[in-house]
Amino acid sequence: MKKRSPLLALATASVVTAGVMATSVPAQAADDWITVSGWSINTQARDTLWTISYPNSASQAQGRGQVHWSDVQSNGGYYTEVRAAANDSVRDGYCAVTQLRYQKKINGTWTWQYRAPAVDCVDSDGDAYWSSHYKSREPIRNAQFRVCLGSPDGEISLPVQCSPGWD
């Protein structure tokens, strides 16, 4: 199975998070993000890395999320750029899925949105799949990442298959 990103696929995936059904869809489908050739916002940056081990102690997946945002707040949020990586490390039937969540203002209310920008289903090759760089079309806030075990289309069936918390 080849590495791929659901951002390039047309399929959507459902995710259960904290008892709430959320939808993880390609960024382009939601029209929240555009693909850019690299970082253009360099004022603020955060880079995070995690591993997930479920249901045993062996490291099964690694994920990495990078976010850059502007210094200037606009409409309560910031123009933001993201990039993610996923690395499947064990042949266990799962793919590594790096998930992104962020808040977007919809009808005056900040609402959580979920995306899966990086999915890697090639186990034990040691190579992470890196997504494209994406820039938000409008101000967002609270961009956070985590790594999960899931299917090739980014679907995550159980929240316990994700790294604890969002970073």
N, C-alpha and C. Protein backbone atom coordinates (compact mmCIF):
# COMPACT_ATOMS: atom_id res chain seq x y z
N MET A 1 0.85 -1.17 0.00
CA MET A 1 0.00 0.00 0.00
C MET A 1 0.89 1.23 0.00
N LYS A 2 0.57 2.21 -0.81
CA LYS A 2 1.39 3.41 -0.92
C LYS A 2 1.00 4.43 0.14
N LYS A 3 1.95 5.28 0.46
CA LYS A 3 1.68 6.40 1.36
C LYS A 3 0.78 7.37 0.61
N ARG A 4 -0.13 7.99 1.36
CA ARG A 4 -0.99 8.99 0.73
C ARG A 4 -1.58 9.90 1.78
N SER A 5 -2.08 10.97 1.36
CA SER A 5 -2.74 11.92 2.25
C SER A 5 -4.19 12.03 1.86
N PRO A 6 -5.10 11.95 2.84
CA PRO A 6 -6.50 12.12 2.51
C PRO A 6 -6.81 13.53 2.04
N LEU A 7 -5.87 14.46 2.20
CA LEU A 7 -6.08 15.79 1.64
C LEU A 7 -6.14 15.72 0.13
N LEU A 8 -5.55 14.68 -0.44
CA LEU A 8 -5.56 14.52 -1.88
C LEU A 8 -6.72 13.65 -2.34
N ALA A 9 -7.33 12.96 -1.41
CA ALA A 9 -8.43 12.05 -1.75
C ALA A 9 -9.77 12.78 -1.65
N LEU A 10 -10.78 12.21 -2.23
CA LEU A 10 -12.10 12.82 -2.15
C LEU A 10 -12.91 12.27 -0.98
N ALA A 11 -12.47 11.15 -0.43
CA ALA A 11 -13.22 10.52 0.66
C ALA A 11 -13.10 11.33 1.94
N THR A 12 -14.11 11.23 2.78
CA THR A 12 -14.07 11.84 4.09
C THR A 12 -14.05 10.73 5.12
N ALA A 13 -13.66 11.10 6.34
CA ALA A 13 -13.58 10.10 7.40
C ALA A 13 -14.20 10.67 8.66
N SER A 14 -14.87 9.83 9.41
CA SER A 14 -15.46 10.27 10.67
C SER A 14 -14.50 9.97 11.81
N VAL A 15 -14.55 10.82 12.82
CA VAL A 15 -13.68 10.68 13.97
C VAL A 15 -14.52 10.90 15.21
N VAL A 16 -14.35 10.06 16.23
CA VAL A 16 -15.02 10.26 17.49
C VAL A 16 -14.01 10.88 18.44
N THR A 17 -14.31 12.06 18.95
CA THR A 17 -13.42 12.77 19.84
C THR A 17 -14.20 13.23 21.05
N ALA A 18 -13.79 12.75 22.22
CA ALA A 18 -14.41 13.15 23.48
C ALA A 18 -15.93 13.00 23.42
N GLY A 19 -16.40 11.91 22.82
CA GLY A 19 -17.82 11.64 22.77
C GLY A 19 -18.58 12.47 21.75
N VAL A 20 -17.91 13.26 20.96
CA VAL A 20 -18.55 14.11 19.96
C VAL A 20 -18.15 13.63 18.58
N MET A 21 -19.10 13.46 17.71
CA MET A 21 -18.78 13.05 16.35
C MET A 21 -18.28 14.26 15.59
N ALA A 22 -17.09 14.13 15.05
CA ALA A 22 -16.50 15.20 14.24
C ALA A 22 -16.17 14.63 12.89
N THR A 23 -15.99 15.48 11.92
CA THR A 23 -15.67 15.01 10.58
C THR A 23 -14.29 15.47 10.19
N SER A 24 -13.50 14.52 9.69
CA SER A 24 -12.18 14.84 9.19
C SER A 24 -12.26 14.77 7.67
N VAL A 25 -12.16 15.92 7.02
CA VAL A 25 -12.32 15.97 5.57
C VAL A 25 -11.11 16.61 4.93
N PRO A 26 -10.93 16.39 3.66
CA PRO A 26 -9.82 17.05 2.99
C PRO A 26 -9.93 18.56 3.15
N ALA A 27 -8.81 19.22 3.37
CA ALA A 27 -8.81 20.66 3.59
C ALA A 27 -9.41 21.40 2.40
N GLN A 28 -9.09 20.97 1.19
CA GLN A 28 -9.63 21.66 0.02
C GLN A 28 -11.15 21.55 -0.04
N ALA A 29 -11.69 20.41 0.38
CA ALA A 29 -13.13 20.21 0.32
C ALA A 29 -13.85 21.20 1.23
N ALA A 30 -13.23 21.55 2.35
CA ALA A 30 -13.85 22.48 3.27
C ALA A 30 -13.58 23.92 2.87
N ASP A 31 -12.67 24.10 1.92
CA ASP A 31 -12.32 25.42 1.43
C ASP A 31 -11.70 26.29 2.53
N ASP A 32 -11.13 25.66 3.58
CA ASP A 32 -10.48 26.39 4.66
C ASP A 32 -9.01 26.67 4.36
N TRP A 33 -8.40 25.89 3.49
CA TRP A 33 -6.96 25.94 3.27
C TRP A 33 -6.63 25.96 1.79
N ILE A 34 -5.50 26.56 1.45
CA ILE A 34 -4.96 26.48 0.10
C ILE A 34 -3.56 25.88 0.18
N THR A 35 -3.16 25.17 -0.84
CA THR A 35 -1.81 24.61 -0.90
C THR A 35 -0.84 25.72 -1.28
N VAL A 36 0.28 25.81 -0.55
CA VAL A 36 1.32 26.79 -0.84
C VAL A 36 2.64 26.06 -0.99
N SER A 37 3.62 26.72 -1.60
CA SER A 37 4.88 26.05 -1.92
C SER A 37 5.83 25.94 -0.74
N GLY A 38 5.59 26.64 0.34
CA GLY A 38 6.46 26.60 1.52
C GLY A 38 5.98 27.61 2.53
N TRP A 39 6.77 27.80 3.56
CA TRP A 39 6.39 28.74 4.61
C TRP A 39 6.49 30.17 4.10
N SER A 40 5.44 30.95 4.33
CA SER A 40 5.50 32.38 4.02
C SER A 40 5.28 33.20 5.29
N ILE A 41 4.72 32.57 6.32
CA ILE A 41 4.53 33.22 7.62
C ILE A 41 5.62 32.67 8.54
N ASN A 42 6.52 33.51 8.96
CA ASN A 42 7.63 33.04 9.78
C ASN A 42 7.74 33.75 11.12
N THR A 43 6.69 34.44 11.55
CA THR A 43 6.80 35.21 12.78
C THR A 43 6.65 34.36 14.03
N GLN A 44 5.72 33.42 14.04
CA GLN A 44 5.50 32.53 15.18
C GLN A 44 5.47 31.10 14.65
N ALA A 45 6.08 30.14 15.39
CA ALA A 45 6.11 28.76 14.90
C ALA A 45 6.11 27.78 16.06
N ARG A 46 5.56 26.60 15.81
CA ARG A 46 5.58 25.50 16.78
C ARG A 46 5.74 24.20 16.01
N ASP A 47 6.54 23.30 16.53
CA ASP A 47 6.81 22.00 15.91
C ASP A 47 6.64 20.95 17.00
N THR A 48 5.76 19.97 16.78
CA THR A 48 5.50 18.95 17.80
C THR A 48 5.71 17.56 17.20
N LEU A 49 6.04 16.61 18.06
CA LEU A 49 6.29 15.22 17.64
C LEU A 49 5.72 14.30 18.70
N TRP A 50 5.02 13.21 18.29
CA TRP A 50 4.45 12.24 19.22
C TRP A 50 4.59 10.84 18.68
N THR A 51 4.40 9.87 19.59
CA THR A 51 4.29 8.47 19.20
C THR A 51 3.02 7.92 19.84
N ILE A 52 2.49 6.85 19.27
CA ILE A 52 1.31 6.18 19.83
C ILE A 52 1.61 4.70 19.94
N SER A 53 1.22 4.11 21.05
CA SER A 53 1.37 2.67 21.30
C SER A 53 0.02 2.15 21.76
N TYR A 54 -0.66 1.39 20.93
CA TYR A 54 -1.99 0.86 21.28
C TYR A 54 -2.19 -0.43 20.53
N PRO A 55 -2.59 -1.50 21.12
CA PRO A 55 -2.92 -1.67 22.54
C PRO A 55 -1.74 -2.13 23.39
N ASN A 56 -0.54 -2.21 22.82
CA ASN A 56 0.62 -2.65 23.61
C ASN A 56 1.63 -1.53 23.73
N SER A 57 2.82 -1.86 24.21
CA SER A 57 3.81 -0.82 24.47
C SER A 57 4.72 -0.53 23.28
N ALA A 58 4.60 -1.30 22.20
CA ALA A 58 5.45 -1.05 21.03
C ALA A 58 5.02 0.23 20.33
N SER A 59 5.96 1.04 19.91
CA SER A 59 5.65 2.25 19.16
C SER A 59 5.10 1.86 17.80
N GLN A 60 3.86 2.22 17.52
CA GLN A 60 3.22 1.82 16.27
C GLN A 60 3.14 2.94 15.25
N ALA A 61 3.18 4.18 15.72
CA ALA A 61 3.04 5.30 14.80
C ALA A 61 3.70 6.54 15.39
N GLN A 62 4.22 7.34 14.51
CA GLN A 62 4.76 8.64 14.91
C GLN A 62 4.07 9.70 14.08
N GLY A 63 3.87 10.85 14.66
CA GLY A 63 3.28 11.97 13.95
C GLY A 63 4.00 13.25 14.29
N ARG A 64 3.95 14.17 13.37
CA ARG A 64 4.60 15.45 13.59
C ARG A 64 3.72 16.54 12.97
N GLY A 65 3.57 17.63 13.68
CA GLY A 65 2.80 18.75 13.19
C GLY A 65 3.58 20.03 13.30
N GLN A 66 3.53 20.83 12.26
CA GLN A 66 4.19 22.13 12.26
C GLN A 66 3.15 23.18 11.95
N VAL A 67 3.19 24.27 12.70
CA VAL A 67 2.24 25.37 12.49
C VAL A 67 3.00 26.69 12.59
N HIS A 68 2.74 27.58 11.67
CA HIS A 68 3.27 28.95 11.68
C HIS A 68 2.06 29.88 11.65
N TRP A 69 2.13 30.97 12.42
CA TRP A 69 1.03 31.91 12.41
C TRP A 69 1.55 33.33 12.49
N SER A 70 0.71 34.25 12.08
CA SER A 70 1.09 35.66 12.01
C SER A 70 1.10 36.29 13.40
N ASP A 71 1.78 37.41 13.51
CA ASP A 71 1.80 38.18 14.76
C ASP A 71 0.52 38.99 14.94
N VAL A 72 -0.14 39.29 13.84
CA VAL A 72 -1.27 40.20 13.88
C VAL A 72 -2.58 39.42 13.92
N GLN A 73 -3.38 39.68 14.96
CA GLN A 73 -4.67 39.02 15.08
C GLN A 73 -5.68 39.70 14.17
N SER A 74 -6.52 38.88 13.54
CA SER A 74 -7.55 39.40 12.65
C SER A 74 -8.86 38.67 12.95
N ASN A 75 -9.91 39.41 13.30
CA ASN A 75 -11.21 38.81 13.57
C ASN A 75 -11.14 37.74 14.67
N GLY A 76 -10.22 37.91 15.63
CA GLY A 76 -10.11 36.97 16.75
C GLY A 76 -9.22 35.78 16.48
N GLY A 77 -8.66 35.68 15.28
CA GLY A 77 -7.79 34.55 14.93
C GLY A 77 -6.56 35.03 14.19
N TYR A 78 -5.81 34.09 13.64
CA TYR A 78 -4.57 34.40 12.95
C TYR A 78 -4.52 33.67 11.62
N TYR A 79 -3.94 34.31 10.60
CA TYR A 79 -3.65 33.57 9.38
C TYR A 79 -2.57 32.57 9.73
N THR A 80 -2.74 31.34 9.29
CA THR A 80 -1.94 30.23 9.77
C THR A 80 -1.51 29.34 8.62
N GLU A 81 -0.33 28.73 8.76
CA GLU A 81 0.14 27.71 7.82
C GLU A 81 0.46 26.45 8.61
N VAL A 82 0.17 25.30 8.00
CA VAL A 82 0.42 24.02 8.66
C VAL A 82 1.07 23.04 7.70
N ARG A 83 1.73 22.07 8.28
CA ARG A 83 2.29 20.93 7.55
C ARG A 83 2.37 19.79 8.55
N ALA A 84 2.16 18.56 8.11
CA ALA A 84 2.16 17.42 9.02
C ALA A 84 2.90 16.24 8.41
N ALA A 85 3.34 15.33 9.28
CA ALA A 85 3.99 14.10 8.85
C ALA A 85 3.40 12.94 9.64
N ALA A 86 3.38 11.77 9.02
CA ALA A 86 2.94 10.54 9.68
C ALA A 86 3.91 9.44 9.31
N ASN A 87 4.21 8.55 10.27
CA ASN A 87 5.13 7.45 10.02
C ASN A 87 4.60 6.18 10.68
N ASP A 88 4.19 5.22 9.87
CA ASP A 88 3.70 3.92 10.35
C ASP A 88 4.93 3.06 10.62
N SER A 89 5.05 2.54 11.85
CA SER A 89 6.27 1.82 12.22
C SER A 89 6.09 0.33 12.49
N VAL A 90 4.86 -0.19 12.46
CA VAL A 90 4.61 -1.60 12.76
C VAL A 90 3.59 -2.17 11.79
N ARG A 91 3.80 -3.38 11.34
CA ARG A 91 2.81 -4.06 10.48
C ARG A 91 1.73 -4.62 11.39
N ASP A 92 0.68 -3.84 11.59
CA ASP A 92 -0.39 -4.24 12.50
C ASP A 92 -1.78 -4.02 11.89
N GLY A 93 -1.84 -3.63 10.64
CA GLY A 93 -3.12 -3.38 9.99
C GLY A 93 -3.61 -1.96 10.12
N TYR A 94 -2.92 -1.13 10.92
CA TYR A 94 -3.28 0.27 11.07
C TYR A 94 -2.36 1.15 10.24
N CYS A 95 -2.82 2.33 9.94
CA CYS A 95 -2.00 3.37 9.32
C CYS A 95 -1.73 4.44 10.37
N ALA A 96 -0.65 5.16 10.22
CA ALA A 96 -0.39 6.33 11.07
C ALA A 96 -1.15 7.51 10.47
N VAL A 97 -1.93 8.20 11.30
CA VAL A 97 -2.74 9.33 10.86
C VAL A 97 -2.41 10.52 11.75
N THR A 98 -1.86 11.57 11.18
CA THR A 98 -1.66 12.80 11.94
C THR A 98 -2.88 13.67 11.69
N GLN A 99 -3.53 14.00 12.79
CA GLN A 99 -4.78 14.73 12.73
C GLN A 99 -4.56 16.18 13.18
N LEU A 100 -5.23 17.10 12.54
CA LEU A 100 -5.19 18.52 12.85
C LEU A 100 -6.58 18.94 13.30
N ARG A 101 -6.64 19.73 14.37
CA ARG A 101 -7.91 20.38 14.71
C ARG A 101 -7.62 21.86 14.91
N TYR A 102 -8.61 22.67 14.64
CA TYR A 102 -8.48 24.12 14.76
C TYR A 102 -9.87 24.71 14.89
N GLN A 103 -9.93 25.94 15.36
CA GLN A 103 -11.21 26.61 15.47
C GLN A 103 -11.35 27.64 14.35
N LYS A 104 -12.54 27.64 13.77
CA LYS A 104 -12.90 28.55 12.70
C LYS A 104 -14.20 29.23 13.10
N LYS A 105 -14.30 30.52 12.82
CA LYS A 105 -15.52 31.25 13.17
C LYS A 105 -16.59 30.99 12.12
N ILE A 106 -17.70 30.40 12.57
CA ILE A 106 -18.84 30.11 11.71
C ILE A 106 -20.07 30.77 12.31
N ASN A 107 -20.68 31.68 11.58
CA ASN A 107 -21.84 32.43 12.07
C ASN A 107 -21.59 33.05 13.44
N GLY A 108 -20.38 33.60 13.64
CA GLY A 108 -20.04 34.29 14.87
C GLY A 108 -19.59 33.42 16.03
N THR A 109 -19.54 32.09 15.83
CA THR A 109 -19.15 31.17 16.90
C THR A 109 -17.90 30.39 16.48
N TRP A 110 -16.91 30.30 17.39
CA TRP A 110 -15.71 29.52 17.11
C TRP A 110 -16.07 28.04 17.19
N THR A 111 -15.86 27.31 16.10
CA THR A 111 -16.26 25.91 15.98
C THR A 111 -15.04 25.07 15.62
N TRP A 112 -14.90 23.90 16.28
CA TRP A 112 -13.78 22.99 15.99
C TRP A 112 -13.96 22.34 14.64
N GLN A 113 -12.89 22.30 13.87
CA GLN A 113 -12.83 21.62 12.58
C GLN A 113 -11.71 20.59 12.67
N TYR A 114 -11.84 19.48 11.97
CA TYR A 114 -10.85 18.39 12.03
C TYR A 114 -10.40 18.01 10.63
N ARG A 115 -9.12 17.78 10.45
CA ARG A 115 -8.55 17.35 9.18
C ARG A 115 -7.49 16.29 9.45
N ALA A 116 -7.19 15.48 8.47
CA ALA A 116 -6.13 14.49 8.54
C ALA A 116 -5.15 14.76 7.39
N PRO A 117 -4.21 15.69 7.57
CA PRO A 117 -3.34 16.06 6.46
C PRO A 117 -2.27 15.03 6.10
N ALA A 118 -1.95 14.10 7.01
CA ALA A 118 -0.89 13.12 6.70
C ALA A 118 -1.30 11.72 7.14
N VAL A 119 -1.21 10.76 6.22
CA VAL A 119 -1.49 9.35 6.50
C VAL A 119 -0.36 8.53 5.89
N ASP A 120 0.19 7.60 6.68
CA ASP A 120 1.24 6.71 6.18
C ASP A 120 0.81 5.27 6.48
N CYS A 121 0.73 4.46 5.44
CA CYS A 121 0.34 3.06 5.59
C CYS A 121 1.47 2.10 5.21
N VAL A 122 2.66 2.61 4.98
CA VAL A 122 3.81 1.77 4.63
C VAL A 122 4.59 1.54 5.91
N ASP A 123 4.37 0.37 6.51
CA ASP A 123 4.99 0.09 7.80
C ASP A 123 6.46 -0.26 7.70
N SER A 124 7.17 0.08 8.71
CA SER A 124 8.57 -0.32 8.93
C SER A 124 9.53 0.12 7.85
N ASP A 125 9.20 1.13 7.04
CA ASP A 125 10.17 1.58 6.04
C ASP A 125 11.04 2.72 6.57
N GLY A 126 10.66 3.26 7.74
CA GLY A 126 11.45 4.30 8.36
C GLY A 126 11.24 5.69 7.78
N ASP A 127 10.41 5.80 6.74
CA ASP A 127 10.18 7.09 6.09
C ASP A 127 8.81 7.64 6.46
N ALA A 128 8.79 8.88 6.88
CA ALA A 128 7.53 9.55 7.18
C ALA A 128 6.95 10.14 5.90
N TYR A 129 5.63 10.16 5.82
CA TYR A 129 4.95 10.85 4.73
C TYR A 129 4.73 12.29 5.19
N TRP A 130 5.20 13.26 4.41
CA TRP A 130 5.00 14.68 4.70
C TRP A 130 3.91 15.23 3.80
N SER A 131 2.97 15.94 4.40
CA SER A 131 1.92 16.60 3.63
C SER A 131 2.49 17.83 2.93
N SER A 132 1.67 18.43 2.10
CA SER A 132 2.00 19.72 1.52
C SER A 132 1.93 20.78 2.61
N HIS A 133 2.36 21.99 2.29
CA HIS A 133 2.15 23.14 3.16
C HIS A 133 0.77 23.70 2.83
N TYR A 134 0.01 24.06 3.86
CA TYR A 134 -1.32 24.62 3.66
C TYR A 134 -1.43 25.95 4.41
N LYS A 135 -2.08 26.91 3.81
CA LYS A 135 -2.30 28.22 4.42
C LYS A 135 -3.80 28.44 4.57
N SER A 136 -4.21 28.94 5.75
CA SER A 136 -5.63 29.16 5.99
C SER A 136 -6.15 30.30 5.11
N ARG A 137 -7.35 30.13 4.61
CA ARG A 137 -7.97 31.15 3.76
C ARG A 137 -8.51 32.31 4.59
N GLU A 138 -8.74 32.05 5.86
CA GLU A 138 -9.25 33.07 6.77
C GLU A 138 -8.63 32.83 8.15
N PRO A 139 -8.76 33.78 9.05
CA PRO A 139 -8.15 33.60 10.37
C PRO A 139 -8.74 32.39 11.11
N ILE A 140 -7.87 31.65 11.76
CA ILE A 140 -8.28 30.53 12.60
C ILE A 140 -7.57 30.68 13.95
N ARG A 141 -7.89 29.82 14.89
CA ARG A 141 -7.19 29.83 16.16
C ARG A 141 -7.08 28.41 16.69
N ASN A 142 -6.18 28.23 17.66
CA ASN A 142 -5.99 26.96 18.37
C ASN A 142 -5.68 25.78 17.45
N ALA A 143 -4.78 25.94 16.50
CA ALA A 143 -4.35 24.82 15.65
C ALA A 143 -3.57 23.83 16.50
N GLN A 144 -3.99 22.56 16.51
CA GLN A 144 -3.37 21.53 17.33
C GLN A 144 -3.29 20.23 16.54
N PHE A 145 -2.32 19.39 16.88
CA PHE A 145 -2.11 18.12 16.21
C PHE A 145 -2.08 16.98 17.21
N ARG A 146 -2.29 15.76 16.69
CA ARG A 146 -2.06 14.53 17.43
C ARG A 146 -1.87 13.42 16.40
N VAL A 147 -1.32 12.29 16.83
CA VAL A 147 -1.16 11.14 15.94
C VAL A 147 -2.10 10.04 16.41
N CYS A 148 -2.66 9.32 15.44
CA CYS A 148 -3.61 8.26 15.74
C CYS A 148 -3.30 7.04 14.86
N LEU A 149 -3.92 5.93 15.21
CA LEU A 149 -3.91 4.74 14.35
C LEU A 149 -5.25 4.74 13.63
N GLY A 150 -5.22 4.53 12.34
CA GLY A 150 -6.46 4.58 11.58
C GLY A 150 -6.36 3.82 10.28
N SER A 151 -7.27 4.13 9.39
CA SER A 151 -7.34 3.45 8.09
C SER A 151 -6.71 4.34 7.02
N PRO A 152 -6.52 3.80 5.81
CA PRO A 152 -5.90 4.58 4.74
C PRO A 152 -6.63 5.87 4.38
N ASP A 153 -7.93 5.96 4.63
CA ASP A 153 -8.66 7.19 4.31
C ASP A 153 -8.69 8.17 5.48
N GLY A 154 -7.92 7.88 6.55
CA GLY A 154 -7.83 8.78 7.70
C GLY A 154 -8.86 8.53 8.77
N GLU A 155 -9.72 7.52 8.61
CA GLU A 155 -10.74 7.24 9.62
C GLU A 155 -10.09 6.71 10.88
N ILE A 156 -10.54 7.22 12.02
CA ILE A 156 -10.07 6.79 13.33
C ILE A 156 -11.29 6.26 14.06
N SER A 157 -11.29 4.95 14.36
CA SER A 157 -12.50 4.35 14.91
C SER A 157 -12.65 4.54 16.41
N LEU A 158 -11.55 4.62 17.14
CA LEU A 158 -11.62 4.77 18.59
C LEU A 158 -10.68 5.87 19.06
N PRO A 159 -11.15 6.76 19.96
CA PRO A 159 -10.26 7.82 20.45
C PRO A 159 -9.05 7.30 21.22
N VAL A 160 -9.16 6.10 21.80
CA VAL A 160 -8.02 5.55 22.56
C VAL A 160 -6.87 5.16 21.64
N GLN A 161 -7.09 5.19 20.33
CA GLN A 161 -6.03 4.90 19.38
C GLN A 161 -5.27 6.15 18.99
N CYS A 162 -5.38 7.19 19.79
CA CYS A 162 -4.70 8.45 19.51
C CYS A 162 -3.78 8.82 20.67
N SER A 163 -2.77 9.62 20.35
CA SER A 163 -1.89 10.12 21.41
C SER A 163 -2.74 10.93 22.38
N PRO A 164 -2.35 10.90 23.66
CA PRO A 164 -3.16 11.63 24.65
C PRO A 164 -3.06 13.13 24.43
N GLY A 165 -4.19 13.78 24.44
CA GLY A 165 -4.22 15.23 24.31
C GLY A 165 -3.88 15.72 22.92
N TRP A 166 -3.98 16.99 22.77
CA TRP A 166 -3.67 17.69 21.52
C TRP A 166 -2.53 18.64 21.83
N ASP A 167 -1.62 18.81 20.89
CA ASP A 167 -0.50 19.73 21.10
C ASP A 167 -0.30 20.60 19.88
